[in-house]
Amino acid sequence: MAIHTTLPIYKVAYDLLSLATDLVQNMPRPIKATLGGRVSILCIELVLLIAKANSVKNKVPPLDTLLERLEETNLLLRLCQDKRFISKGQYAKAIEITTSIGKQANGWRKSYAPSPAA
């Protein structure tokens, strides 16, 4: 088992957390506390779920939760872009990162999911 901080998915999730911190910093004050706060919390949860998935024997449940949180993150980022709290370029960068996380998480999950009965 690798140290979670060396995993490619961890590094990308940390990049998303860093980007989210920058995005939230520039949001209007009323939005920063609500919508921005939720985006930040979700990004922290993603990083922590990767660490958890790396440390437990049954990796599927934390990876399933990670994918759910990732979908919620995508939804909130889209709302931020639609309401013009973030630019289209910032949104594109964030979605590029979340797509990478999703692909890696799905691949990781598939490698640990029980094979279907024949």
N, C-alpha and C. Protein backbone atom coordinates (compact mmCIF):
# COMPACT_ATOMS: atom_id res chain seq x y z
N MET A 1 0.85 -1.18 0.00
CA MET A 1 0.00 0.00 0.00
C MET A 1 0.90 1.24 0.00
N ALA A 2 0.66 2.12 -0.94
CA ALA A 2 1.44 3.35 -1.06
C ALA A 2 0.96 4.38 -0.03
N ILE A 3 1.83 5.29 0.31
CA ILE A 3 1.42 6.40 1.16
C ILE A 3 0.46 7.25 0.34
N HIS A 4 -0.67 7.59 0.94
CA HIS A 4 -1.73 8.26 0.16
C HIS A 4 -1.27 9.58 -0.46
N THR A 5 -0.33 10.26 0.17
CA THR A 5 0.10 11.55 -0.38
C THR A 5 0.94 11.41 -1.66
N THR A 6 1.34 10.19 -1.97
CA THR A 6 2.10 9.97 -3.20
C THR A 6 1.23 9.47 -4.35
N LEU A 7 -0.03 9.20 -4.08
CA LEU A 7 -0.93 8.72 -5.13
C LEU A 7 -1.28 9.84 -6.10
N PRO A 8 -1.32 9.52 -7.41
CA PRO A 8 -1.69 10.54 -8.39
C PRO A 8 -3.07 11.15 -8.12
N ILE A 9 -4.03 10.34 -7.69
CA ILE A 9 -5.38 10.86 -7.42
C ILE A 9 -5.35 11.83 -6.25
N TYR A 10 -4.52 11.58 -5.26
CA TYR A 10 -4.40 12.48 -4.12
C TYR A 10 -3.84 13.83 -4.57
N LYS A 11 -2.82 13.78 -5.40
CA LYS A 11 -2.19 15.01 -5.88
C LYS A 11 -3.17 15.86 -6.68
N VAL A 12 -3.98 15.21 -7.51
CA VAL A 12 -4.96 15.95 -8.31
C VAL A 12 -6.07 16.51 -7.40
N ALA A 13 -6.50 15.72 -6.42
CA ALA A 13 -7.53 16.20 -5.49
C ALA A 13 -7.02 17.38 -4.67
N TYR A 14 -5.75 17.33 -4.30
CA TYR A 14 -5.15 18.46 -3.58
C TYR A 14 -5.10 19.69 -4.47
N ASP A 15 -4.82 19.50 -5.75
CA ASP A 15 -4.84 20.63 -6.71
C ASP A 15 -6.24 21.25 -6.77
N LEU A 16 -7.27 20.40 -6.74
CA LEU A 16 -8.64 20.91 -6.75
C LEU A 16 -8.92 21.71 -5.47
N LEU A 17 -8.47 21.22 -4.34
CA LEU A 17 -8.65 21.95 -3.09
C LEU A 17 -7.95 23.30 -3.15
N SER A 18 -6.76 23.32 -3.69
CA SER A 18 -6.02 24.58 -3.83
C SER A 18 -6.76 25.55 -4.75
N LEU A 19 -7.25 25.03 -5.88
CA LEU A 19 -8.00 25.87 -6.82
C LEU A 19 -9.28 26.38 -6.17
N ALA A 20 -9.99 25.51 -5.47
CA ALA A 20 -11.24 25.90 -4.82
C ALA A 20 -10.99 27.02 -3.80
N THR A 21 -9.89 26.94 -3.09
CA THR A 21 -9.54 27.98 -2.13
C THR A 21 -9.39 29.33 -2.83
N ASP A 22 -8.72 29.31 -3.98
CA ASP A 22 -8.56 30.55 -4.76
C ASP A 22 -9.89 31.05 -5.29
N LEU A 23 -10.73 30.14 -5.77
CA LEU A 23 -12.02 30.55 -6.33
C LEU A 23 -12.92 31.17 -5.27
N VAL A 24 -12.96 30.55 -4.11
CA VAL A 24 -13.82 31.02 -3.03
C VAL A 24 -13.36 32.39 -2.54
N GLN A 25 -12.08 32.60 -2.53
CA GLN A 25 -11.53 33.86 -2.05
C GLN A 25 -12.05 35.05 -2.85
N ASN A 26 -12.34 34.85 -4.12
CA ASN A 26 -12.79 35.93 -4.99
C ASN A 26 -14.30 36.01 -5.17
N MET A 27 -15.05 35.18 -4.45
CA MET A 27 -16.51 35.22 -4.56
C MET A 27 -17.07 36.38 -3.73
N PRO A 28 -18.26 36.85 -4.10
CA PRO A 28 -18.91 37.89 -3.28
C PRO A 28 -19.13 37.39 -1.85
N ARG A 29 -19.06 38.29 -0.90
CA ARG A 29 -19.13 37.93 0.51
C ARG A 29 -20.32 37.03 0.88
N PRO A 30 -21.55 37.33 0.47
CA PRO A 30 -22.68 36.46 0.88
C PRO A 30 -22.55 35.03 0.32
N ILE A 31 -21.98 34.91 -0.85
CA ILE A 31 -21.83 33.61 -1.49
C ILE A 31 -20.64 32.85 -0.91
N LYS A 32 -19.60 33.58 -0.55
CA LYS A 32 -18.38 32.98 -0.02
C LYS A 32 -18.68 32.09 1.19
N ALA A 33 -19.55 32.56 2.07
CA ALA A 33 -19.85 31.83 3.30
C ALA A 33 -20.73 30.61 3.06
N THR A 34 -21.60 30.68 2.08
CA THR A 34 -22.54 29.57 1.87
C THR A 34 -22.05 28.62 0.79
N LEU A 35 -22.20 29.04 -0.44
CA LEU A 35 -21.83 28.20 -1.58
C LEU A 35 -20.33 27.92 -1.61
N GLY A 36 -19.54 28.96 -1.42
CA GLY A 36 -18.09 28.80 -1.42
C GLY A 36 -17.61 27.90 -0.29
N GLY A 37 -18.22 28.06 0.87
CA GLY A 37 -17.87 27.22 2.01
C GLY A 37 -18.15 25.75 1.75
N ARG A 38 -19.27 25.48 1.11
CA ARG A 38 -19.64 24.09 0.80
C ARG A 38 -18.68 23.49 -0.23
N VAL A 39 -18.29 24.26 -1.22
CA VAL A 39 -17.33 23.78 -2.22
C VAL A 39 -16.01 23.43 -1.53
N SER A 40 -15.56 24.29 -0.64
CA SER A 40 -14.30 24.04 0.07
C SER A 40 -14.39 22.78 0.93
N ILE A 41 -15.48 22.63 1.64
CA ILE A 41 -15.67 21.45 2.49
C ILE A 41 -15.70 20.18 1.65
N LEU A 42 -16.38 20.22 0.51
CA LEU A 42 -16.43 19.05 -0.36
C LEU A 42 -15.03 18.68 -0.86
N CYS A 43 -14.24 19.67 -1.21
CA CYS A 43 -12.88 19.39 -1.69
C CYS A 43 -12.02 18.78 -0.59
N ILE A 44 -12.19 19.25 0.63
CA ILE A 44 -11.48 18.65 1.76
C ILE A 44 -11.92 17.20 1.95
N GLU A 45 -13.23 16.96 1.85
CA GLU A 45 -13.76 15.59 1.98
C GLU A 45 -13.19 14.67 0.91
N LEU A 46 -13.03 15.18 -0.31
CA LEU A 46 -12.46 14.36 -1.39
C LEU A 46 -11.06 13.89 -1.02
N VAL A 47 -10.24 14.80 -0.54
CA VAL A 47 -8.87 14.46 -0.16
C VAL A 47 -8.88 13.44 0.97
N LEU A 48 -9.74 13.64 1.96
CA LEU A 48 -9.81 12.72 3.10
C LEU A 48 -10.35 11.34 2.70
N LEU A 49 -11.29 11.31 1.76
CA LEU A 49 -11.82 10.03 1.29
C LEU A 49 -10.77 9.23 0.52
N ILE A 50 -9.90 9.92 -0.18
CA ILE A 50 -8.81 9.23 -0.87
C ILE A 50 -7.87 8.60 0.15
N ALA A 51 -7.55 9.34 1.20
CA ALA A 51 -6.70 8.80 2.26
C ALA A 51 -7.37 7.60 2.91
N LYS A 52 -8.67 7.70 3.16
CA LYS A 52 -9.41 6.60 3.79
C LYS A 52 -9.43 5.37 2.87
N ALA A 53 -9.73 5.58 1.60
CA ALA A 53 -9.79 4.46 0.66
C ALA A 53 -8.44 3.76 0.57
N ASN A 54 -7.38 4.50 0.69
CA ASN A 54 -6.05 3.91 0.62
C ASN A 54 -5.72 3.09 1.85
N SER A 55 -6.35 3.40 2.98
CA SER A 55 -5.97 2.74 4.23
C SER A 55 -6.88 1.60 4.65
N VAL A 56 -8.06 1.47 4.05
CA VAL A 56 -8.98 0.41 4.46
C VAL A 56 -8.89 -0.78 3.51
N LYS A 57 -9.32 -1.92 4.03
CA LYS A 57 -9.27 -3.14 3.22
C LYS A 57 -10.32 -3.11 2.10
N ASN A 58 -11.56 -2.75 2.45
CA ASN A 58 -12.63 -2.66 1.46
C ASN A 58 -12.68 -1.22 0.93
N LYS A 59 -12.11 -1.00 -0.20
CA LYS A 59 -11.96 0.34 -0.75
C LYS A 59 -13.22 0.85 -1.46
N VAL A 60 -14.14 -0.04 -1.77
CA VAL A 60 -15.31 0.34 -2.57
C VAL A 60 -16.21 1.37 -1.86
N PRO A 61 -16.59 1.19 -0.59
CA PRO A 61 -17.47 2.19 0.03
C PRO A 61 -16.90 3.61 0.06
N PRO A 62 -15.63 3.82 0.48
CA PRO A 62 -15.15 5.19 0.45
C PRO A 62 -15.02 5.74 -0.98
N LEU A 63 -14.73 4.88 -1.94
CA LEU A 63 -14.65 5.34 -3.33
C LEU A 63 -16.03 5.70 -3.87
N ASP A 64 -17.05 4.94 -3.47
CA ASP A 64 -18.42 5.30 -3.86
C ASP A 64 -18.81 6.65 -3.28
N THR A 65 -18.47 6.87 -2.02
CA THR A 65 -18.76 8.16 -1.38
C THR A 65 -17.99 9.28 -2.07
N LEU A 66 -16.75 9.01 -2.41
CA LEU A 66 -15.93 9.99 -3.12
C LEU A 66 -16.58 10.39 -4.43
N LEU A 67 -17.08 9.43 -5.18
CA LEU A 67 -17.73 9.73 -6.46
C LEU A 67 -19.01 10.54 -6.27
N GLU A 68 -19.75 10.27 -5.19
CA GLU A 68 -20.95 11.05 -4.89
C GLU A 68 -20.58 12.50 -4.56
N ARG A 69 -19.57 12.68 -3.74
CA ARG A 69 -19.11 14.03 -3.36
C ARG A 69 -18.56 14.77 -4.58
N LEU A 70 -17.93 14.04 -5.46
CA LEU A 70 -17.39 14.65 -6.68
C LEU A 70 -18.52 15.17 -7.56
N GLU A 71 -19.60 14.42 -7.65
CA GLU A 71 -20.76 14.86 -8.43
C GLU A 71 -21.37 16.12 -7.81
N GLU A 72 -21.45 16.15 -6.50
CA GLU A 72 -21.97 17.33 -5.80
C GLU A 72 -21.05 18.54 -6.04
N THR A 73 -19.76 18.31 -6.02
CA THR A 73 -18.79 19.37 -6.29
C THR A 73 -18.98 19.92 -7.70
N ASN A 74 -19.14 19.04 -8.68
CA ASN A 74 -19.37 19.47 -10.06
C ASN A 74 -20.63 20.31 -10.18
N LEU A 75 -21.68 19.89 -9.49
CA LEU A 75 -22.94 20.62 -9.53
C LEU A 75 -22.77 22.03 -8.97
N LEU A 76 -22.12 22.15 -7.83
CA LEU A 76 -21.94 23.47 -7.22
C LEU A 76 -21.01 24.36 -8.04
N LEU A 77 -19.98 23.76 -8.63
CA LEU A 77 -19.10 24.55 -9.49
C LEU A 77 -19.85 25.07 -10.71
N ARG A 78 -20.73 24.23 -11.26
CA ARG A 78 -21.53 24.67 -12.41
C ARG A 78 -22.46 25.82 -12.02
N LEU A 79 -23.06 25.70 -10.86
CA LEU A 79 -23.92 26.77 -10.37
C LEU A 79 -23.12 28.07 -10.21
N CYS A 80 -21.92 27.95 -9.65
CA CYS A 80 -21.06 29.14 -9.48
C CYS A 80 -20.74 29.77 -10.83
N GLN A 81 -20.50 28.97 -11.83
CA GLN A 81 -20.19 29.51 -13.15
C GLN A 81 -21.45 30.11 -13.79
N ASP A 82 -22.58 29.43 -13.65
CA ASP A 82 -23.83 29.94 -14.23
C ASP A 82 -24.23 31.29 -13.61
N LYS A 83 -23.97 31.45 -12.31
CA LYS A 83 -24.31 32.69 -11.61
C LYS A 83 -23.18 33.72 -11.70
N ARG A 84 -22.12 33.35 -12.40
CA ARG A 84 -20.96 34.23 -12.65
C ARG A 84 -20.18 34.60 -11.39
N PHE A 85 -20.17 33.65 -10.45
CA PHE A 85 -19.32 33.83 -9.27
C PHE A 85 -17.89 33.40 -9.58
N ILE A 86 -17.75 32.56 -10.61
CA ILE A 86 -16.43 32.19 -11.13
C ILE A 86 -16.49 32.32 -12.65
N SER A 87 -15.32 32.49 -13.25
CA SER A 87 -15.28 32.67 -14.71
C SER A 87 -15.38 31.31 -15.42
N LYS A 88 -15.64 31.38 -16.72
CA LYS A 88 -15.70 30.15 -17.52
C LYS A 88 -14.35 29.45 -17.53
N GLY A 89 -13.27 30.21 -17.56
CA GLY A 89 -11.93 29.62 -17.53
C GLY A 89 -11.65 28.91 -16.22
N GLN A 90 -12.06 29.51 -15.11
CA GLN A 90 -11.88 28.88 -13.80
C GLN A 90 -12.72 27.61 -13.71
N TYR A 91 -13.94 27.69 -14.22
CA TYR A 91 -14.82 26.52 -14.22
C TYR A 91 -14.21 25.40 -15.07
N ALA A 92 -13.69 25.75 -16.24
CA ALA A 92 -13.09 24.75 -17.12
C ALA A 92 -11.91 24.06 -16.44
N LYS A 93 -11.09 24.82 -15.75
CA LYS A 93 -9.95 24.24 -15.04
C LYS A 93 -10.42 23.30 -13.94
N ALA A 94 -11.43 23.73 -13.18
CA ALA A 94 -11.96 22.91 -12.10
C ALA A 94 -12.56 21.61 -12.64
N ILE A 95 -13.30 21.69 -13.73
CA ILE A 95 -13.93 20.50 -14.30
C ILE A 95 -12.88 19.56 -14.89
N GLU A 96 -11.83 20.11 -15.43
CA GLU A 96 -10.73 19.28 -15.92
C GLU A 96 -10.14 18.45 -14.76
N ILE A 97 -10.00 19.07 -13.62
CA ILE A 97 -9.46 18.38 -12.45
C ILE A 97 -10.46 17.36 -11.92
N THR A 98 -11.74 17.73 -11.83
CA THR A 98 -12.72 16.78 -11.29
C THR A 98 -12.89 15.59 -12.22
N THR A 99 -12.77 15.82 -13.51
CA THR A 99 -12.84 14.71 -14.47
C THR A 99 -11.68 13.74 -14.24
N SER A 100 -10.51 14.26 -14.01
CA SER A 100 -9.34 13.42 -13.74
C SER A 100 -9.54 12.60 -12.47
N ILE A 101 -10.06 13.26 -11.43
CA ILE A 101 -10.32 12.55 -10.17
C ILE A 101 -11.35 11.44 -10.40
N GLY A 102 -12.41 11.75 -11.13
CA GLY A 102 -13.46 10.77 -11.40
C GLY A 102 -12.94 9.56 -12.16
N LYS A 103 -12.12 9.80 -13.18
CA LYS A 103 -11.57 8.68 -13.95
C LYS A 103 -10.69 7.80 -13.08
N GLN A 104 -9.84 8.42 -12.28
CA GLN A 104 -8.94 7.65 -11.43
C GLN A 104 -9.72 6.89 -10.35
N ALA A 105 -10.72 7.55 -9.76
CA ALA A 105 -11.52 6.90 -8.72
C ALA A 105 -12.31 5.72 -9.29
N ASN A 106 -12.89 5.90 -10.48
CA ASN A 106 -13.63 4.80 -11.11
C ASN A 106 -12.71 3.64 -11.45
N GLY A 107 -11.52 3.93 -11.95
CA GLY A 107 -10.56 2.87 -12.25
C GLY A 107 -10.14 2.13 -11.00
N TRP A 108 -9.88 2.87 -9.95
CA TRP A 108 -9.48 2.29 -8.66
C TRP A 108 -10.61 1.44 -8.12
N ARG A 109 -11.84 1.95 -8.22
CA ARG A 109 -12.99 1.22 -7.71
C ARG A 109 -13.20 -0.08 -8.48
N LYS A 110 -13.08 -0.02 -9.80
CA LYS A 110 -13.26 -1.21 -10.62
C LYS A 110 -12.23 -2.29 -10.30
N SER A 111 -11.04 -1.89 -9.95
CA SER A 111 -10.00 -2.87 -9.65
C SER A 111 -10.26 -3.58 -8.32
N TYR A 112 -11.10 -2.99 -7.45
CA TYR A 112 -11.40 -3.60 -6.16
C TYR A 112 -12.81 -4.12 -6.04
N ALA A 113 -13.67 -3.78 -6.99
CA ALA A 113 -15.06 -4.24 -6.92
C ALA A 113 -15.12 -5.74 -7.17
N PRO A 114 -16.02 -6.42 -6.49
CA PRO A 114 -16.17 -7.86 -6.73
C PRO A 114 -16.60 -8.11 -8.17
N SER A 115 -16.06 -9.14 -8.75
CA SER A 115 -16.42 -9.46 -10.14
C SER A 115 -17.86 -9.97 -10.18
N PRO A 116 -18.62 -9.59 -11.22
CA PRO A 116 -20.01 -10.02 -11.31
C PRO A 116 -20.12 -11.55 -11.50
N ALA A 117 -21.19 -12.09 -10.96
CA ALA A 117 -21.43 -13.54 -11.07
C ALA A 117 -21.71 -13.89 -12.53
N ALA A 118 -21.19 -15.02 -12.93
CA ALA A 118 -21.37 -15.45 -14.32
C ALA A 118 -22.71 -16.07 -14.53
